[in-house]
N, C-alpha and C. Protein backbone atom coordinates (compact mmCIF):
# COMPACT_ATOMS: atom_id res chain seq x y z
N UNK A 1 63.30 -4.66 34.70
CA UNK A 1 62.47 -3.88 35.81
C UNK A 1 62.53 -2.75 36.32
N UNK A 2 64.06 -2.83 37.05
CA UNK A 2 64.45 -1.83 37.60
C UNK A 2 64.78 -0.50 36.84
N UNK A 3 65.19 -0.94 35.52
CA UNK A 3 65.24 0.37 34.82
C UNK A 3 63.96 1.15 34.38
N UNK A 4 62.85 -0.08 34.10
CA UNK A 4 61.33 0.73 33.56
C UNK A 4 60.80 1.66 34.88
N UNK A 5 61.14 0.87 36.30
CA UNK A 5 60.60 1.77 37.23
C UNK A 5 61.43 3.19 37.31
N UNK A 6 62.65 3.23 37.06
CA UNK A 6 63.56 4.70 37.24
C UNK A 6 63.28 5.28 35.97
N UNK A 7 62.67 4.65 34.75
CA UNK A 7 62.24 5.59 33.70
C UNK A 7 61.00 6.24 34.19
N UNK A 8 60.05 5.47 34.48
CA UNK A 8 58.72 5.97 35.02
C UNK A 8 58.73 6.95 35.98
N UNK A 9 59.67 6.93 37.09
CA UNK A 9 59.86 7.70 37.99
C UNK A 9 60.36 9.12 37.45
N UNK A 10 61.12 9.29 36.60
CA UNK A 10 61.23 10.46 35.80
C UNK A 10 60.39 11.25 35.39
N UNK A 11 59.39 10.58 34.89
CA UNK A 11 58.40 11.09 34.02
C UNK A 11 57.49 11.94 35.39
N UNK A 12 57.37 11.59 36.15
CA UNK A 12 56.40 12.20 37.38
C UNK A 12 57.30 13.45 38.03
N UNK A 13 56.68 14.35 38.14
CA UNK A 13 57.24 15.53 38.89
C UNK A 13 56.86 15.41 40.32
N UNK A 14 57.68 15.98 41.43
CA UNK A 14 57.36 16.23 42.42
C UNK A 14 56.90 17.29 42.97
N UNK A 15 55.78 17.46 43.96
CA UNK A 15 55.13 18.55 44.11
C UNK A 15 55.88 19.82 44.48
N UNK A 16 55.71 20.91 44.07
CA UNK A 16 56.49 22.06 44.86
C UNK A 16 56.37 22.01 46.22
N UNK A 17 57.67 22.27 46.87
CA UNK A 17 57.39 22.58 48.54
C UNK A 17 56.41 23.49 48.67
N UNK A 18 56.10 23.74 49.65
CA UNK A 18 55.15 24.53 50.35
C UNK A 18 56.18 25.57 51.16
N UNK A 19 55.31 26.95 51.08
CA UNK A 19 56.13 27.97 51.54
C UNK A 19 55.99 28.25 53.14
N UNK A 20 54.96 27.68 53.66
CA UNK A 20 54.52 27.70 55.09
C UNK A 20 55.09 26.13 55.56
N UNK A 21 54.73 26.00 56.73
CA UNK A 21 55.14 24.83 57.51
C UNK A 21 54.03 24.18 57.12
N UNK A 22 53.92 22.71 56.43
CA UNK A 22 53.23 21.80 56.29
C UNK A 22 52.92 21.07 57.57
N UNK A 23 51.65 20.83 58.01
CA UNK A 23 51.23 20.38 59.33
C UNK A 23 49.97 19.19 58.97
N UNK A 24 50.15 19.13 57.64
CA UNK A 24 48.95 17.86 57.37
C UNK A 24 49.49 16.85 58.15
N UNK A 25 48.20 16.17 58.66
CA UNK A 25 48.26 14.52 59.42
C UNK A 25 48.86 14.74 61.00
N UNK A 26 49.32 16.23 61.36
CA UNK A 26 49.87 16.51 62.57
C UNK A 26 49.24 17.21 63.29
N UNK A 27 48.07 17.89 62.88
CA UNK A 27 47.25 18.40 63.71
C UNK A 27 45.77 17.89 63.23
N UNK A 28 44.73 18.08 64.34
CA UNK A 28 43.69 17.38 63.96
C UNK A 28 42.88 18.40 63.30
N UNK A 29 41.82 18.04 62.50
CA UNK A 29 40.62 18.73 61.86
C UNK A 29 39.82 19.68 62.56
N UNK A 30 39.76 20.72 62.06
CA UNK A 30 38.68 22.04 62.55
C UNK A 30 37.50 21.32 63.10
N UNK A 31 37.25 21.68 64.35
CA UNK A 31 36.29 21.30 65.08
C UNK A 31 35.99 22.11 66.39
N UNK A 32 35.12 22.63 66.41
CA UNK A 32 34.83 23.56 67.52
C UNK A 32 33.28 24.03 67.66
N UNK A 33 32.60 24.10 68.90
CA UNK A 33 31.40 24.89 69.00
C UNK A 33 31.75 26.31 69.78
N UNK A 34 31.54 27.34 69.28
CA UNK A 34 31.66 28.46 70.01
C UNK A 34 30.66 29.51 69.78
N UNK A 35 30.92 30.96 70.08
CA UNK A 35 29.92 31.80 70.02
C UNK A 35 30.44 32.95 69.11
N UNK A 36 29.75 33.12 67.88
CA UNK A 36 30.20 34.11 66.95
C UNK A 36 29.94 35.47 67.34
N UNK A 37 30.43 36.67 66.38
CA UNK A 37 30.57 38.02 67.15
C UNK A 37 29.28 38.53 66.83
N UNK A 38 28.30 37.91 66.43
CA UNK A 38 26.77 38.09 66.38
C UNK A 38 26.23 37.74 67.50
N UNK A 39 26.81 36.81 68.27
CA UNK A 39 26.18 36.50 69.59
C UNK A 39 25.36 35.23 69.57
N UNK A 40 25.69 34.36 68.33
CA UNK A 40 24.83 33.41 67.92
C UNK A 40 25.95 31.96 68.08
N UNK A 41 25.60 30.79 68.30
CA UNK A 41 26.26 30.10 68.59
C UNK A 41 26.76 29.72 66.91
N UNK A 42 28.20 29.06 66.99
CA UNK A 42 29.09 28.74 65.55
C UNK A 42 29.64 27.41 65.81
N UNK A 43 29.48 26.35 64.72
CA UNK A 43 30.76 25.50 64.94
C UNK A 43 31.28 25.57 63.57
N UNK A 44 32.33 24.48 63.79
CA UNK A 44 33.31 24.48 62.66
C UNK A 44 32.62 24.00 61.39
N UNK A 45 31.53 23.38 61.25
CA UNK A 45 30.49 22.82 60.21
C UNK A 45 30.28 24.13 59.16
N UNK A 46 30.07 25.05 59.91
CA UNK A 46 29.72 26.57 59.27
C UNK A 46 30.70 26.96 58.14
N UNK A 47 31.85 26.75 58.52
CA UNK A 47 32.51 27.06 57.56
C UNK A 47 33.54 26.00 56.46
N UNK A 48 32.91 25.06 56.46
CA UNK A 48 33.26 23.70 55.48
C UNK A 48 32.75 24.47 54.10
N UNK A 49 33.64 24.13 53.00
CA UNK A 49 33.46 24.43 51.72
C UNK A 49 34.36 25.80 51.59
N UNK A 50 34.83 26.39 52.83
CA UNK A 50 36.08 27.55 52.61
C UNK A 50 37.48 27.06 53.46
N UNK A 51 38.43 27.80 52.80
CA UNK A 51 39.66 27.73 53.31
C UNK A 51 39.57 28.43 54.82
N UNK A 52 39.78 28.07 56.07
CA UNK A 52 40.09 28.89 57.11
C UNK A 52 41.30 29.26 57.48
N UNK A 53 41.39 30.39 58.01
CA UNK A 53 42.70 30.54 58.68
C UNK A 53 42.41 31.16 59.92
N UNK A 54 42.68 30.10 60.97
CA UNK A 54 42.22 30.21 62.11
C UNK A 54 43.59 31.07 63.11
N UNK A 55 43.08 31.99 64.00
CA UNK A 55 44.13 33.02 64.92
C UNK A 55 43.83 33.05 66.06
N UNK A 56 44.32 32.92 66.95
CA UNK A 56 44.13 32.95 68.63
C UNK A 56 44.71 34.49 69.05
N UNK A 57 43.85 35.23 69.35
CA UNK A 57 44.46 36.46 69.78
C UNK A 57 43.29 37.20 70.55
N UNK A 58 43.80 38.45 70.99
CA UNK A 58 42.44 39.46 71.83
C UNK A 58 42.55 40.71 71.59
N UNK A 59 41.77 41.43 71.50
CA UNK A 59 41.29 42.57 71.08
C UNK A 59 41.98 43.88 71.60
N UNK A 60 42.62 43.54 72.89
CA UNK A 60 43.12 44.46 73.66
C UNK A 60 44.76 44.40 73.36
N UNK A 61 45.04 43.44 72.50
CA UNK A 61 46.27 43.09 72.19
C UNK A 61 47.21 44.60 71.41
N UNK A 62 48.27 44.97 72.16
CA UNK A 62 48.88 46.19 71.61
C UNK A 62 49.68 46.24 70.20
N UNK A 63 50.07 45.04 69.86
CA UNK A 63 51.06 44.90 68.93
C UNK A 63 50.69 43.78 67.97
N UNK A 64 50.76 42.43 68.36
CA UNK A 64 51.26 41.26 67.82
C UNK A 64 49.72 41.22 66.77
N UNK A 65 48.44 41.20 67.58
CA UNK A 65 47.12 40.64 66.70
C UNK A 65 46.84 41.92 65.59
N UNK A 66 47.21 43.20 65.88
CA UNK A 66 46.60 43.96 64.84
C UNK A 66 47.80 43.79 63.45
N UNK A 67 49.26 43.50 63.87
CA UNK A 67 50.15 43.21 62.90
C UNK A 67 49.58 41.97 62.14
N UNK A 68 49.27 40.91 62.68
CA UNK A 68 48.59 39.74 62.01
C UNK A 68 47.57 40.06 61.35
N UNK A 69 46.61 40.56 61.88
CA UNK A 69 45.17 40.92 61.26
C UNK A 69 45.57 41.88 59.88
N UNK A 70 46.42 42.60 60.07
CA UNK A 70 46.77 43.37 59.08
C UNK A 70 47.57 42.71 57.97
N UNK A 71 48.58 41.98 58.36
CA UNK A 71 49.01 40.90 57.34
C UNK A 71 47.97 40.21 56.62
N UNK A 72 47.21 39.38 57.37
CA UNK A 72 46.25 38.57 56.38
C UNK A 72 45.18 39.55 55.92
N UNK A 73 45.13 40.77 55.84
CA UNK A 73 44.56 41.63 54.92
C UNK A 73 45.38 41.66 53.68
N UNK A 74 46.62 41.93 53.74
CA UNK A 74 47.17 42.12 52.67
C UNK A 74 47.36 40.57 51.85
N UNK A 75 47.13 39.78 52.44
CA UNK A 75 47.11 38.30 51.89
C UNK A 75 45.87 38.28 51.07
N UNK A 76 44.82 38.72 51.71
CA UNK A 76 43.46 38.76 50.83
C UNK A 76 43.36 39.32 49.59
N UNK A 77 43.97 40.48 49.75
CA UNK A 77 44.22 41.73 48.49
C UNK A 77 45.16 40.95 47.46
N UNK A 78 45.97 40.11 47.75
CA UNK A 78 46.81 39.50 46.81
C UNK A 78 45.98 38.20 46.08
N UNK A 79 45.20 37.72 47.01
CA UNK A 79 44.20 36.58 45.92
C UNK A 79 43.14 37.23 45.50
N UNK A 80 42.90 38.40 45.29
CA UNK A 80 41.74 39.02 44.49
C UNK A 80 40.61 38.15 44.67
N UNK A 81 40.08 37.65 43.61
CA UNK A 81 38.57 37.15 43.78
C UNK A 81 38.50 35.75 44.59
N UNK A 82 39.77 35.16 44.46
CA UNK A 82 40.14 33.89 45.41
C UNK A 82 39.59 34.26 46.85
N UNK A 83 39.70 35.32 47.19
CA UNK A 83 39.69 35.95 48.56
C UNK A 83 38.22 35.49 49.07
N UNK A 84 37.36 35.44 48.46
CA UNK A 84 35.91 35.10 48.78
C UNK A 84 35.98 33.53 49.07
N UNK A 85 36.89 32.96 48.93
CA UNK A 85 37.07 31.34 49.27
C UNK A 85 37.68 31.12 50.74
N UNK A 86 37.90 32.26 51.10
CA UNK A 86 38.89 32.14 52.44
C UNK A 86 38.01 32.95 53.39
N UNK A 87 38.15 32.57 54.76
CA UNK A 87 37.34 33.15 56.09
C UNK A 87 38.38 33.06 57.14
N UNK A 88 38.75 34.27 57.82
CA UNK A 88 39.25 34.64 58.98
C UNK A 88 38.92 34.45 60.04
N UNK A 89 38.87 33.45 60.89
CA UNK A 89 38.41 33.08 62.14
C UNK A 89 39.49 33.39 63.29
N UNK A 90 39.02 34.71 64.05
CA UNK A 90 39.99 35.31 65.15
C UNK A 90 39.18 35.00 66.64
N UNK A 91 40.07 33.95 67.04
CA UNK A 91 39.20 33.34 68.22
C UNK A 91 39.92 33.95 69.57
N UNK A 92 39.27 34.38 70.57
CA UNK A 92 40.09 35.17 71.67
C UNK A 92 40.41 34.27 72.47
N UNK A 93 41.59 34.79 73.42
CA UNK A 93 42.03 34.19 74.16
C UNK A 93 41.58 35.00 75.54
N UNK A 94 40.76 36.25 75.64
CA UNK A 94 40.67 36.87 76.26
C UNK A 94 38.91 37.12 76.50
N UNK A 95 38.34 35.98 76.86
CA UNK A 95 36.70 35.92 76.47
C UNK A 95 36.14 36.91 77.62
N UNK A 96 36.86 37.02 78.78
CA UNK A 96 36.33 38.06 80.00
C UNK A 96 36.03 39.34 79.38
N UNK A 97 36.95 39.79 78.51
CA UNK A 97 37.00 41.39 77.92
C UNK A 97 36.15 41.35 76.57
N UNK A 98 36.55 39.98 75.75
CA UNK A 98 36.03 40.15 74.57
C UNK A 98 34.70 39.70 74.13
N UNK A 99 33.86 40.26 74.74
CA UNK A 99 32.24 40.14 74.24
C UNK A 99 32.16 40.08 72.56
N UNK A 100 31.03 39.30 72.41
CA UNK A 100 30.72 39.38 70.79
C UNK A 100 30.87 40.60 70.46
N UNK A 101 30.46 41.58 70.64
CA UNK A 101 30.38 42.88 70.09
C UNK A 101 31.30 43.52 70.24
N UNK A 102 32.34 43.27 71.13
CA UNK A 102 33.91 43.89 70.93
C UNK A 102 34.64 42.88 69.87
N UNK A 103 34.49 41.87 70.02
CA UNK A 103 34.91 41.13 68.79
C UNK A 103 34.74 41.47 67.35
N UNK A 104 33.35 41.71 66.98
CA UNK A 104 32.68 42.05 66.07
C UNK A 104 33.26 43.66 65.57
N UNK A 105 33.45 44.41 66.28
CA UNK A 105 34.12 45.87 66.32
C UNK A 105 35.46 45.35 65.74
N UNK A 106 36.11 44.86 66.58
CA UNK A 106 37.46 44.44 66.10
C UNK A 106 37.80 43.90 64.98
N UNK A 107 37.00 42.87 64.36
CA UNK A 107 37.36 42.16 63.18
C UNK A 107 36.90 43.03 62.12
N UNK A 108 35.63 43.85 62.28
CA UNK A 108 35.04 44.74 61.23
C UNK A 108 35.99 45.79 60.93
N UNK A 109 36.85 45.97 61.81
CA UNK A 109 37.66 47.41 61.42
C UNK A 109 38.59 46.92 60.47
N UNK A 110 39.11 45.82 60.37
CA UNK A 110 40.00 45.14 59.28
C UNK A 110 39.16 44.50 58.28
N UNK A 111 37.98 43.77 58.19
CA UNK A 111 37.59 43.39 57.06
C UNK A 111 36.04 42.65 57.77
N UNK A 112 34.85 43.22 57.01
CA UNK A 112 33.81 42.64 57.56
C UNK A 112 33.27 41.58 56.58
N UNK A 113 33.94 41.34 55.58
CA UNK A 113 33.51 40.21 54.64
C UNK A 113 34.01 38.77 54.69
N UNK A 114 35.33 38.87 55.44
CA UNK A 114 35.88 37.58 55.46
C UNK A 114 36.57 37.45 57.03
N UNK A 115 36.18 38.14 58.07
CA UNK A 115 36.53 37.73 59.38
C UNK A 115 35.47 37.46 60.17
N UNK A 116 35.70 36.83 61.13
CA UNK A 116 34.78 36.54 62.15
C UNK A 116 35.39 36.34 63.29
N UNK A 117 35.05 37.03 64.81
CA UNK A 117 35.54 36.75 65.78
C UNK A 117 34.54 35.62 66.62
N UNK A 118 35.39 35.24 67.21
CA UNK A 118 34.71 33.93 67.84
C UNK A 118 35.33 33.74 69.54
N UNK A 119 33.88 33.47 70.21
CA UNK A 119 34.33 33.53 71.73
C UNK A 119 33.65 32.33 72.26
N UNK A 120 33.90 32.33 73.57
CA UNK A 120 33.47 31.04 74.35
C UNK A 120 33.52 31.21 75.87
N UNK A 121 33.21 29.94 76.63
CA UNK A 121 33.62 30.02 77.99
C UNK A 121 35.26 29.80 77.85
N UNK A 122 35.71 30.09 79.13
CA UNK A 122 37.07 29.63 79.41
C UNK A 122 37.16 28.45 79.22
N UNK A 123 36.43 27.38 79.41
CA UNK A 123 36.84 26.30 79.35
C UNK A 123 36.99 25.57 77.72
N UNK A 124 35.53 26.19 76.80
CA UNK A 124 35.84 26.00 75.54
C UNK A 124 37.08 26.39 74.90
N UNK A 125 37.44 27.90 75.26
CA UNK A 125 38.56 28.22 74.57
C UNK A 125 39.87 27.78 75.18
N UNK A 126 40.15 27.16 76.29
CA UNK A 126 41.28 26.22 76.80
C UNK A 126 41.38 25.05 76.16
N UNK A 127 40.22 24.62 75.95
CA UNK A 127 40.06 23.23 75.05
C UNK A 127 40.63 23.55 73.61
N UNK A 128 39.62 24.57 73.01
CA UNK A 128 40.40 24.51 71.62
C UNK A 128 42.00 25.07 71.54
N UNK A 129 42.51 25.94 72.34
CA UNK A 129 43.58 26.10 72.44
C UNK A 129 44.81 24.83 72.34
N UNK A 130 44.39 24.08 73.54
CA UNK A 130 45.00 22.64 73.68
C UNK A 130 45.00 21.98 72.34
N UNK A 131 43.98 21.81 71.88
CA UNK A 131 43.71 21.01 70.50
C UNK A 131 44.39 21.36 69.56
N UNK A 132 44.81 22.71 69.41
CA UNK A 132 45.75 23.25 68.26
C UNK A 132 47.17 23.48 68.94
N UNK A 133 47.57 22.96 70.32
CA UNK A 133 48.78 23.57 70.96
C UNK A 133 49.15 24.97 71.12
N UNK A 134 48.33 25.80 71.19
CA UNK A 134 48.16 27.26 71.29
C UNK A 134 48.21 27.44 72.78
N UNK A 135 49.46 28.39 73.03
CA UNK A 135 49.91 28.52 74.51
C UNK A 135 48.99 30.10 74.70
N UNK A 136 48.75 30.33 75.64
CA UNK A 136 48.43 31.67 76.28
C UNK A 136 48.52 31.76 77.64
N UNK A 137 48.95 32.84 78.19
CA UNK A 137 48.78 32.97 79.60
C UNK A 137 48.10 34.74 79.70
N UNK A 138 47.33 34.89 81.06
CA UNK A 138 47.18 36.23 81.30
C UNK A 138 48.51 36.75 82.21
N UNK A 139 48.86 37.78 81.97
CA UNK A 139 49.89 38.69 82.51
C UNK A 139 49.34 39.13 83.81
N UNK A 140 50.28 39.69 84.80
CA UNK A 140 49.66 40.10 85.87
C UNK A 140 48.97 41.64 85.48
N UNK A 141 47.80 41.78 86.51
CA UNK A 141 47.26 43.15 86.31
C UNK A 141 47.80 44.06 86.79
N UNK A 142 47.92 45.39 86.22
CA UNK A 142 48.30 46.67 86.81
C UNK A 142 47.25 47.39 88.15
N UNK A 143 47.48 48.24 88.73
CA UNK A 143 46.70 48.56 89.49
C UNK A 143 45.12 49.13 89.20
N UNK A 144 45.19 49.49 87.99
CA UNK A 144 44.02 49.92 87.15
C UNK A 144 43.03 48.76 86.74
N UNK A 145 43.59 47.04 86.67
CA UNK A 145 42.86 46.24 86.42
C UNK A 145 43.30 45.79 85.07
N UNK A 146 44.10 46.53 84.21
CA UNK A 146 44.62 46.20 82.96
C UNK A 146 45.53 45.08 82.96
N UNK A 147 45.63 44.04 82.01
CA UNK A 147 46.53 43.28 81.69
C UNK A 147 46.58 42.84 80.19
N UNK A 148 47.58 41.99 79.93
CA UNK A 148 48.10 41.72 78.68
C UNK A 148 48.03 39.96 78.49
N UNK A 149 47.90 39.55 77.56
CA UNK A 149 47.52 38.23 77.20
C UNK A 149 48.93 37.63 76.35
N UNK A 150 49.73 36.85 76.96
CA UNK A 150 51.00 36.53 76.11
C UNK A 150 50.42 35.13 75.48
N UNK A 151 50.73 35.27 74.04
CA UNK A 151 49.75 34.04 73.31
C UNK A 151 50.68 33.55 72.28
N UNK A 152 50.62 32.60 71.68
CA UNK A 152 51.23 32.25 70.60
C UNK A 152 50.73 33.24 69.21
N UNK A 153 51.55 33.43 68.15
CA UNK A 153 50.78 34.11 67.20
C UNK A 153 50.84 33.33 65.87
N UNK A 154 50.70 32.13 65.62
CA UNK A 154 50.62 31.39 64.09
C UNK A 154 49.05 31.57 63.68
N UNK A 155 49.24 31.58 62.74
CA UNK A 155 47.88 31.49 61.93
C UNK A 155 47.78 29.80 61.11
N UNK A 156 46.76 29.16 61.60
CA UNK A 156 46.40 27.96 61.32
C UNK A 156 45.90 28.07 59.80
N UNK A 157 46.26 27.22 58.96
CA UNK A 157 45.54 27.18 57.79
C UNK A 157 44.78 25.78 57.54
N UNK A 158 43.33 25.70 57.20
CA UNK A 158 42.43 24.51 57.31
C UNK A 158 42.14 24.70 55.69
N UNK A 159 42.20 23.42 55.12
CA UNK A 159 41.73 23.30 53.90
C UNK A 159 40.10 23.75 53.75
N UNK A 160 39.46 23.51 52.56
CA UNK A 160 37.75 23.46 52.63
C UNK A 160 37.18 22.51 53.08
N UNK A 161 37.61 21.42 53.58
CA UNK A 161 37.34 20.08 54.27
C UNK A 161 37.29 20.11 55.35
N UNK A 162 38.15 21.41 56.27
CA UNK A 162 38.58 21.12 57.32
C UNK A 162 39.59 20.52 58.18
N UNK A 163 40.59 20.21 57.11
CA UNK A 163 41.80 19.24 57.57
C UNK A 163 42.91 20.49 57.61
N UNK A 164 43.75 20.25 58.62
CA UNK A 164 44.69 21.13 59.20
C UNK A 164 46.00 20.98 58.08
N UNK A 165 46.13 21.95 57.37
CA UNK A 165 47.20 21.90 56.49
C UNK A 165 48.50 22.62 56.34
N UNK A 166 48.51 23.85 57.22
CA UNK A 166 49.60 24.49 57.10
C UNK A 166 49.57 25.33 58.17
N UNK A 167 50.75 26.11 58.69
CA UNK A 167 51.11 26.77 59.63
C UNK A 167 51.68 27.98 59.17
N UNK A 168 51.26 29.26 59.66
CA UNK A 168 52.03 30.69 59.16
C UNK A 168 52.25 31.27 60.36
N UNK A 169 53.71 31.80 60.33
CA UNK A 169 54.02 32.23 61.37
C UNK A 169 54.52 33.85 61.08
N UNK A 170 54.86 34.88 61.88
CA UNK A 170 54.87 36.14 61.63
C UNK A 170 56.16 36.28 60.87
N UNK A 171 57.07 35.23 60.78
CA UNK A 171 58.07 35.42 59.72
C UNK A 171 57.66 35.12 58.33
N UNK A 172 56.59 34.48 57.90
CA UNK A 172 56.33 34.30 56.62
C UNK A 172 55.49 35.58 56.08
N UNK A 173 55.88 35.74 54.79
CA UNK A 173 55.59 37.05 53.86
C UNK A 173 53.88 36.90 53.49
N UNK A 174 53.13 37.83 53.21
CA UNK A 174 52.17 37.83 52.50
C UNK A 174 52.07 37.22 51.46
N UNK A 175 53.19 37.37 50.71
CA UNK A 175 53.41 36.82 49.19
C UNK A 175 53.37 35.19 49.43
N UNK A 176 54.37 34.74 50.32
CA UNK A 176 54.40 33.33 50.53
C UNK A 176 52.82 32.55 51.16
N UNK A 177 52.21 33.27 51.99
CA UNK A 177 51.11 32.83 52.39
C UNK A 177 49.83 32.98 51.30
N UNK A 178 50.15 33.80 50.45
CA UNK A 178 49.01 33.88 49.44
C UNK A 178 49.06 32.71 48.54
N UNK A 179 50.64 32.53 48.19
CA UNK A 179 50.98 31.48 47.07
C UNK A 179 50.62 30.15 47.67
N UNK A 180 50.49 29.95 48.83
CA UNK A 180 50.11 28.75 49.49
C UNK A 180 48.61 28.37 49.63
N UNK A 181 48.12 29.54 49.99
CA UNK A 181 46.49 29.70 50.28
C UNK A 181 46.08 29.21 48.83
N UNK A 182 46.64 29.84 47.83
CA UNK A 182 46.16 29.63 46.31
C UNK A 182 46.11 27.99 46.04
N UNK A 183 46.97 27.65 46.61
CA UNK A 183 47.30 25.88 45.95
C UNK A 183 46.11 25.26 46.56
N UNK A 184 45.96 25.51 47.56
CA UNK A 184 44.94 24.81 48.81
C UNK A 184 43.51 25.38 48.03
N UNK A 185 43.35 26.32 47.56
CA UNK A 185 42.29 26.57 47.12
C UNK A 185 41.84 25.81 45.65
N UNK A 186 43.01 26.04 44.96
CA UNK A 186 42.87 25.32 43.65
C UNK A 186 42.86 23.73 43.56
N UNK A 187 43.12 23.25 44.88
CA UNK A 187 43.25 21.69 44.81
C UNK A 187 41.93 21.45 45.04
N UNK A 188 41.38 20.43 43.83
CA UNK A 188 40.17 19.90 44.10
C UNK A 188 40.12 18.48 44.74
N UNK A 189 41.24 17.83 45.18
CA UNK A 189 40.94 16.68 45.51
C UNK A 189 40.60 16.26 46.91
């Protein structure tokens, strides 16, 4: 009996490891009610059926946010036609300055087809950030009233059913992200 089980286990192949951090079963499903960059209410249900890349940032960010959005544009380019099955959700951590129009202009500058800016009340943003363990903090204002927001820089990957699957960091290359996204897109289970 043991010999038969050993022989059978030799016939099965283990799944290829993920390039990104696998968070399957460790983070909750995609669930929110916010305001889209068109000013209309939007919920996570609107994105079912597509792989969602959720990123928390803000439009006045001097470096990390534009770099991350640029890297995600490279990923979409590597996906080719599969990019139509992906949506980037840019959730502001600065709702005081990031109006729907400001978000729309910001994400549009990167990609008007695949990216959408999302905002809400302070409470909505705080609750969503807490749900996915995103840290952010307003820094001290300068004499002109300007400030930066220190924030986590990870991109959360949700499968078409809205399940949290992967976490991409700024150390992950566009090739690695695209490879794992393609696996999620092609997975029909």
